Amino acid sequence: MNSNMEPNTNLDDQDESLYEHHKFVAEVGQNPLRVDKYLMNFIENATRNKIQKAAKSGNIYVNGETVKQNYKVKGGDTVQVMFEHPPYEYLLVPEDIPLDIEYEDDTLLVVNKPAGMVVHPGHGNYSGTLINALVHHFDNLPNNSSDRPGLVHRIDKDTSGLLVIAKTEEAMAHLSKQFFDKTSEREYVAIVWGNVVEDEGTIEGNIGRNPKNRLQNIVYEGDLEEEGKPAVTHYKVIERLGYVTLVSCRLETGRTHQIRVHMKHIGHTLFNDERYGGDKILKGTTFTKYKQFVDNCFKVLPRQALHAKTLGFTHPTTGKWLSFDTKIPEDIQLCVEKWRAYAKSQLENL
């Protein structure tokens, strides 16, 4: 869109296929705050320049009316912003990115996604994604309900591990139903802060957006409980390592950030999970030497300590149960070994 064009003053006139749309309702107690600063607090990867460009183009609305970037957001205001992005077909440029394929046949494949790779294009990530790689390596992948080629499910950018990809319409429908019906099996390994006392347990809690930080999800409780989406996580202790614990988590549901949210909810935030506060020292001593040790662990594992280790599902054509398992990635393994050595040294010094 030419930035010299007259700004749109009617939200209903926008061609939403050309925009990424965000909408927020300011809390009642919101102190007056410039709309550009307000949006910076809620939208991941949104630079001030991008927000100012949206304002100049007339694409920031408060209560349905266009506003300038210096408008002061007040409690109860409905704030909407439309960010321009290239038409969707241009986001799917095939890219020759290597894939770590665990299994492949005529109907599906299972890939081991590395940490740092985004699953599908979106705001701030228009290339280098798993889908960019898939459309290079495979022709005519079926779209899911969100028009994502081949994608049956997803994991976060900084989570590594297994994903199943559908190569036919039949496989897409069959596999998607298994995930919806909770008949597929997914198990993750994670390092979490603190000593998880119970050997195993189940976390149940409806998950929804954090009204105070839209980049996070939280467990909804009390009056908000019914507004969240039901989520169930089963966990089991693999190894206690002093101030952290290595656990496995089996998903019964598949909500966004589910393991990260549920483990934080019970007081065991994932190690080095920046978004949920795990990149700070949450357990341990105040000694400088300990702080240096933890900082070294963060450098070895510069992401949340979460890996989708196993995946199981029924083959959509043969009806045979398929199960896949991967090694724990080197960065997580090195971090575990560091904590194991530290825990051992602490015991020896008692």
Protein backbone atom coordinates (compact mmCIF):
# COMPACT_ATOMS: atom_id res chain seq x y z
CA MET A 1 0.00 0.00 0.00
CA ASN A 2 1.27 3.49 -0.88
CA SER A 3 1.89 5.39 2.36
CA ASN A 4 0.78 8.60 0.62
CA MET A 5 -2.75 7.25 0.16
CA GLU A 6 -5.50 8.75 2.26
CA PRO A 7 -5.83 6.74 5.47
CA ASN A 8 -8.80 4.43 5.83
CA THR A 9 -11.23 5.77 8.43
CA ASN A 10 -13.60 2.81 8.42
CA LEU A 11 -12.32 -0.44 9.88
CA ASP A 12 -14.94 -2.41 7.98
CA ASP A 13 -13.49 -1.23 4.65
CA GLN A 14 -10.10 -2.87 5.24
CA ASP A 15 -9.06 -5.89 3.17
CA GLU A 16 -7.96 -8.01 6.13
CA SER A 17 -6.05 -10.45 3.89
CA LEU A 18 -3.42 -7.72 3.56
CA TYR A 19 -3.06 -7.11 7.29
CA GLU A 20 -2.22 -8.69 10.59
CA HIS A 21 -4.94 -7.68 13.00
CA HIS A 22 -4.55 -7.18 16.77
CA LYS A 23 -7.29 -6.19 19.19
CA PHE A 24 -7.09 -5.40 22.92
CA VAL A 25 -9.42 -4.03 25.57
CA ALA A 26 -7.65 -1.85 28.12
CA GLU A 27 -8.18 -2.82 31.74
CA VAL A 28 -10.49 -0.58 33.77
CA GLY A 29 -7.59 0.59 35.94
CA GLN A 30 -5.36 1.48 32.98
CA ASN A 31 -3.53 4.76 33.55
CA PRO A 32 -3.55 7.04 30.45
CA LEU A 33 -0.78 5.83 28.14
CA ARG A 34 0.17 6.77 24.57
CA VAL A 35 -1.31 4.22 22.18
CA ASP A 36 2.09 3.51 20.55
CA LYS A 37 3.61 2.68 23.95
CA TYR A 38 0.52 0.66 24.89
CA LEU A 39 0.83 -1.50 21.77
CA MET A 40 4.58 -1.99 22.32
CA ASN A 41 3.70 -3.69 25.62
CA PHE A 42 1.36 -6.19 24.01
CA ILE A 43 2.62 -7.15 20.54
CA GLU A 44 5.67 -9.34 20.11
CA ASN A 45 8.26 -8.15 17.56
CA ALA A 46 6.37 -4.90 16.92
CA THR A 47 8.89 -2.07 16.61
CA ARG A 48 8.00 1.52 17.41
CA ASN A 49 8.64 2.36 13.74
CA LYS A 50 6.11 -0.25 12.60
CA ILE A 51 3.50 1.06 15.04
CA GLN A 52 4.12 4.66 13.97
CA LYS A 53 3.76 3.63 10.33
CA ALA A 54 0.42 2.02 11.13
CA ALA A 55 -0.69 5.24 12.83
CA LYS A 56 0.38 7.36 9.84
CA SER A 57 -1.57 5.04 7.52
CA GLY A 58 -4.69 5.41 9.67
CA ASN A 59 -4.56 1.80 10.81
CA ILE A 60 -4.78 2.29 14.59
CA TYR A 61 -8.30 2.48 15.98
CA VAL A 62 -9.68 3.18 19.43
CA ASN A 63 -13.36 2.38 19.92
CA GLY A 64 -13.72 2.09 16.14
CA GLU A 65 -12.21 5.49 15.28
CA THR A 66 -8.75 6.16 13.85
CA VAL A 67 -6.32 7.84 16.25
CA LYS A 68 -2.84 9.32 16.11
CA GLN A 69 0.13 7.71 17.84
CA ASN A 70 -0.06 10.16 20.75
CA TYR A 71 -3.65 9.21 21.68
CA LYS A 72 -3.82 8.33 25.40
CA VAL A 73 -5.39 4.90 25.99
CA LYS A 74 -7.78 4.83 28.96
CA GLY A 75 -9.45 2.03 30.87
CA GLY A 76 -12.19 0.32 28.85
CA ASP A 77 -10.87 1.49 25.44
CA THR A 78 -10.93 -1.06 22.63
CA VAL A 79 -7.64 -0.73 20.76
CA GLN A 80 -7.16 -2.24 17.30
CA VAL A 81 -4.20 -2.11 14.94
CA MET A 82 -3.75 -3.43 11.41
CA PHE A 83 -0.14 -4.11 10.36
CA GLU A 84 0.53 -4.33 6.65
CA HIS A 85 2.25 -7.48 5.48
CA PRO A 86 2.86 -9.03 2.07
CA PRO A 87 -0.04 -11.07 0.60
CA TYR A 88 -0.03 -14.55 2.12
CA GLU A 89 1.15 -16.32 -1.03
CA TYR A 90 4.38 -14.31 -0.86
CA LEU A 91 4.98 -15.56 2.67
CA LEU A 92 5.25 -19.10 1.33
CA VAL A 93 8.40 -18.70 -0.74
CA PRO A 94 10.06 -22.13 -1.04
CA GLU A 95 13.47 -22.16 0.66
CA ASP A 96 16.12 -24.86 0.42
CA ILE A 97 16.39 -25.46 4.16
CA PRO A 98 17.55 -28.93 5.27
CA LEU A 99 14.98 -31.06 7.09
CA ASP A 100 15.80 -33.66 9.73
CA ILE A 101 13.33 -36.34 8.61
CA GLU A 102 12.72 -39.18 11.08
CA TYR A 103 10.21 -41.02 8.88
CA GLU A 104 8.53 -40.59 5.50
CA ASP A 105 6.09 -42.44 3.28
CA ASP A 106 3.55 -41.46 0.60
CA THR A 107 1.06 -39.98 3.07
CA LEU A 108 3.09 -38.29 5.83
CA LEU A 109 6.46 -37.49 7.27
CA VAL A 110 7.82 -36.90 10.77
CA VAL A 111 10.42 -34.17 11.20
CA ASN A 112 12.67 -33.26 14.12
CA LYS A 113 12.50 -29.46 14.30
CA PRO A 114 15.56 -27.67 15.67
CA ALA A 115 15.25 -25.01 18.33
CA GLY A 116 15.14 -21.51 16.82
CA MET A 117 13.08 -22.46 13.76
CA VAL A 118 9.61 -20.93 13.54
CA VAL A 119 6.98 -23.40 12.35
CA HIS A 120 5.01 -21.12 10.02
CA PRO A 121 5.37 -17.55 8.62
CA GLY A 122 3.84 -14.73 10.60
CA HIS A 123 4.50 -11.24 11.87
CA GLY A 124 8.26 -10.71 12.05
CA ASN A 125 9.05 -14.19 10.64
CA TYR A 126 8.41 -14.24 6.92
CA SER A 127 11.21 -16.64 5.96
CA GLY A 128 13.32 -19.46 7.33
CA THR A 129 10.31 -21.29 8.73
CA LEU A 130 9.51 -24.99 8.66
CA ILE A 131 6.76 -24.36 6.11
CA ASN A 132 9.17 -22.49 3.82
CA ALA A 133 11.32 -25.63 3.91
CA LEU A 134 8.37 -27.99 3.40
CA VAL A 135 7.02 -26.25 0.29
CA HIS A 136 10.51 -26.43 -1.22
CA HIS A 137 10.91 -30.16 -0.63
CA PHE A 138 7.30 -31.28 -1.29
CA ASP A 139 4.70 -30.37 -3.92
CA ASN A 140 0.96 -29.99 -3.35
CA LEU A 141 0.88 -30.33 0.41
CA PRO A 142 -2.71 -30.13 1.73
CA ASN A 143 -3.73 -27.06 3.72
CA ASN A 144 -5.01 -27.29 7.25
CA SER A 145 -7.96 -25.24 8.51
CA SER A 146 -5.66 -22.19 8.80
CA ASP A 147 -4.30 -22.61 5.26
CA ARG A 148 -0.94 -23.87 6.53
CA PRO A 149 0.47 -26.48 4.08
CA GLY A 150 1.03 -29.88 5.67
CA LEU A 151 0.82 -28.65 9.25
CA VAL A 152 -1.13 -30.93 11.62
CA HIS A 153 0.16 -29.37 14.87
CA ARG A 154 2.91 -26.98 15.94
CA ILE A 155 5.51 -26.33 18.62
CA ASP A 156 7.08 -23.04 19.72
CA LYS A 157 10.07 -21.48 17.96
CA ASP A 158 12.52 -22.26 20.76
CA THR A 159 11.11 -25.72 21.50
CA SER A 160 12.83 -28.52 19.61
CA GLY A 161 11.39 -31.87 18.62
CA LEU A 162 8.96 -33.99 16.65
CA LEU A 163 6.17 -32.89 14.33
CA VAL A 164 4.05 -34.95 11.94
CA ILE A 165 3.35 -33.44 8.51
CA ALA A 166 0.47 -34.55 6.26
CA LYS A 167 1.19 -35.08 2.55
CA THR A 168 -2.39 -35.88 1.45
CA GLU A 169 -5.86 -34.50 2.18
CA GLU A 170 -6.85 -37.84 3.71
CA ALA A 171 -3.84 -37.82 6.03
CA MET A 172 -4.53 -34.22 7.05
CA ALA A 173 -8.13 -35.00 8.00
CA HIS A 174 -7.27 -38.25 9.79
CA LEU A 175 -4.30 -36.91 11.75
CA SER A 176 -6.04 -33.66 12.69
CA LYS A 177 -8.95 -35.65 14.10
CA GLN A 178 -6.56 -37.75 16.21
CA PHE A 179 -5.07 -34.61 17.75
CA PHE A 180 -8.56 -33.17 18.31
CA ASP A 181 -9.81 -36.43 19.86
CA LYS A 182 -6.65 -36.68 22.03
CA THR A 183 -5.78 -40.14 20.72
CA SER A 184 -2.28 -39.12 19.61
CA GLU A 185 0.53 -39.26 22.16
CA ARG A 186 3.09 -36.51 22.79
CA GLU A 187 5.75 -36.51 25.47
CA TYR A 188 8.23 -33.74 26.18
CA VAL A 189 11.31 -33.45 28.37
CA ALA A 190 11.97 -30.24 30.28
CA ILE A 191 14.28 -28.78 32.88
CA VAL A 192 12.28 -26.81 35.44
CA TRP A 193 13.28 -24.62 38.35
CA GLY A 194 13.01 -26.12 41.82
CA ASN A 195 12.76 -29.58 43.31
CA VAL A 196 9.54 -31.19 42.08
CA VAL A 197 8.57 -33.05 45.24
CA GLU A 198 5.95 -35.43 43.85
CA ASP A 199 7.33 -38.20 41.64
CA GLU A 200 4.44 -37.67 39.24
CA GLY A 201 1.23 -35.73 38.98
CA THR A 202 -1.43 -34.16 36.77
CA ILE A 203 -1.99 -30.45 36.21
CA GLU A 204 -5.49 -29.39 35.18
CA GLY A 205 -6.30 -25.76 34.55
CA ASN A 206 -8.04 -23.77 31.84
CA ILE A 207 -5.56 -21.70 29.84
CA GLY A 208 -6.12 -18.26 28.31
CA ARG A 209 -4.34 -15.00 27.53
CA ASN A 210 -2.82 -13.07 30.40
CA PRO A 211 -4.84 -9.82 30.45
CA LYS A 212 -1.81 -7.98 31.84
CA ASN A 213 0.66 -9.36 29.28
CA ARG A 214 -0.80 -10.56 25.99
CA LEU A 215 2.45 -12.34 25.08
CA GLN A 216 1.85 -14.81 27.91
CA ASN A 217 -0.87 -17.31 28.72
CA ILE A 218 -1.99 -18.12 32.26
CA VAL A 219 -4.20 -20.60 34.10
CA TYR A 220 -7.60 -18.99 34.58
CA GLU A 221 -9.06 -19.38 38.05
CA GLY A 222 -12.09 -18.13 39.95
CA ASP A 223 -14.53 -16.05 37.90
CA LEU A 224 -12.33 -16.32 34.80
CA GLU A 225 -12.03 -20.13 34.84
CA GLU A 226 -14.80 -20.82 32.32
CA GLU A 227 -13.28 -18.36 29.83
CA GLY A 228 -10.10 -20.39 29.37
CA LYS A 229 -9.64 -23.53 27.29
CA PRO A 230 -9.42 -26.84 29.19
CA ALA A 231 -5.86 -28.18 29.44
CA VAL A 232 -4.38 -31.29 31.05
CA THR A 233 -0.68 -32.07 31.50
CA HIS A 234 0.72 -35.22 33.13
CA TYR A 235 4.26 -34.91 34.48
CA LYS A 236 6.82 -37.34 35.90
CA VAL A 237 10.19 -36.69 37.53
CA ILE A 238 13.14 -38.12 35.59
CA GLU A 239 15.98 -36.78 37.75
CA ARG A 240 16.30 -34.33 40.61
CA LEU A 241 19.32 -32.07 40.20
CA GLY A 242 19.28 -29.88 43.29
CA TYR A 243 17.81 -26.52 42.38
CA VAL A 244 16.33 -27.82 39.10
CA THR A 245 14.50 -30.99 38.06
CA LEU A 246 14.45 -32.92 34.79
CA VAL A 247 10.85 -33.95 34.06
CA SER A 248 8.81 -35.55 31.31
CA CYS A 249 5.43 -34.05 30.41
CA ARG A 250 2.70 -35.88 28.53
CA LEU A 251 0.08 -33.72 26.87
CA GLU A 252 -3.56 -34.68 26.96
CA THR A 253 -4.50 -31.40 25.26
CA GLY A 254 -2.47 -29.06 23.06
CA ARG A 255 -2.90 -25.45 24.18
CA THR A 256 -0.44 -22.71 23.27
CA HIS A 257 2.51 -22.74 25.72
CA GLN A 258 0.67 -25.43 27.72
CA ILE A 259 3.67 -27.03 29.45
CA ARG A 260 5.30 -23.65 30.05
CA VAL A 261 2.11 -22.27 31.61
CA HIS A 262 1.18 -25.34 33.65
CA MET A 263 4.64 -25.86 35.13
CA LYS A 264 4.89 -22.17 36.07
CA HIS A 265 1.43 -22.46 37.63
CA ILE A 266 2.65 -25.13 40.08
CA GLY A 267 5.77 -23.14 40.90
CA HIS A 268 8.24 -24.81 38.52
CA THR A 269 8.92 -22.41 35.64
CA LEU A 270 10.92 -23.85 32.75
CA PHE A 271 14.65 -23.19 32.98
CA ASN A 272 15.70 -20.18 30.84
CA ASP A 273 12.14 -19.54 29.63
CA GLU A 274 12.50 -15.80 29.05
CA ARG A 275 8.82 -15.14 28.36
CA TYR A 276 7.69 -16.68 31.65
CA GLY A 277 10.53 -15.47 33.86
CA GLY A 278 12.68 -18.60 33.84
CA ASP A 279 15.72 -16.67 32.60
CA LYS A 280 16.26 -15.42 36.16
CA ILE A 281 17.59 -17.34 39.15
CA LEU A 282 14.42 -18.64 40.78
CA LYS A 283 15.99 -21.16 43.16
CA GLY A 284 19.36 -21.46 44.85
CA THR A 285 21.85 -19.39 46.78
CA THR A 286 22.91 -15.75 46.59
CA PHE A 287 26.61 -16.57 46.20
CA THR A 288 28.38 -14.95 43.24
CA LYS A 289 29.90 -18.29 42.27
CA TYR A 290 26.42 -19.83 41.99
CA LYS A 291 25.20 -16.91 39.86
CA GLN A 292 28.16 -17.43 37.52
CA PHE A 293 27.34 -21.14 37.31
CA VAL A 294 23.71 -20.43 36.35
CA ASP A 295 24.79 -17.80 33.80
CA ASN A 296 27.05 -20.43 32.23
CA CYS A 297 24.10 -22.83 32.07
CA PHE A 298 22.04 -20.13 30.34
CA LYS A 299 24.84 -19.75 27.76
CA VAL A 300 24.97 -23.49 27.14
CA LEU A 301 21.17 -23.58 26.78
CA PRO A 302 20.09 -20.18 25.38
CA ARG A 303 16.39 -21.06 25.18
CA GLN A 304 13.62 -22.62 27.24
CA ALA A 305 14.58 -26.16 28.24
CA LEU A 306 11.83 -28.00 26.36
CA HIS A 307 12.01 -30.77 23.76
CA ALA A 308 9.20 -32.72 22.08
CA LYS A 309 10.85 -36.11 22.52
CA THR A 310 8.24 -38.70 21.57
CA LEU A 311 5.27 -38.76 19.20
CA GLY A 312 2.73 -41.50 18.57
CA PHE A 313 -0.32 -41.76 16.31
CA THR A 314 -2.30 -44.17 14.14
CA HIS A 315 -1.22 -44.24 10.49
CA PRO A 316 -4.12 -42.76 8.46
CA THR A 317 -3.88 -45.39 5.71
CA THR A 318 -2.59 -48.62 7.29
CA GLY A 319 -4.20 -48.19 10.71
CA LYS A 320 -0.90 -49.21 12.29
CA TRP A 321 0.27 -47.42 15.45
CA LEU A 322 3.49 -45.48 14.81
CA SER A 323 5.75 -44.28 17.62
CA PHE A 324 8.86 -42.11 17.34
CA ASP A 325 11.49 -41.13 19.87
CA THR A 326 14.42 -38.71 19.63
CA LYS A 327 17.56 -38.13 21.63
CA ILE A 328 17.60 -35.21 24.04
CA PRO A 329 19.29 -32.33 22.14
CA GLU A 330 22.92 -31.55 22.95
CA ASP A 331 22.18 -28.15 24.53
CA ILE A 332 19.70 -29.63 27.02
CA GLN A 333 21.95 -32.63 27.68
CA LEU A 334 24.96 -30.39 28.39
CA CYS A 335 22.85 -28.30 30.78
CA VAL A 336 21.69 -31.45 32.60
CA GLU A 337 25.28 -32.62 32.94
CA LYS A 338 26.32 -29.27 34.41
CA TRP A 339 23.53 -29.40 37.00
CA ARG A 340 24.29 -33.04 37.76
CA ALA A 341 27.94 -32.20 38.46
CA TYR A 342 26.92 -29.20 40.56
CA ALA A 343 24.45 -31.24 42.62
CA LYS A 344 27.11 -33.90 43.19
CA SER A 345 29.65 -31.32 44.36
CA GLN A 346 27.13 -29.87 46.79
CA LEU A 347 26.53 -33.30 48.34
CA GLU A 348 30.27 -33.93 48.64
CA ASN A 349 30.69 -30.65 50.52
CA LEU A 350 28.08 -31.51 53.15
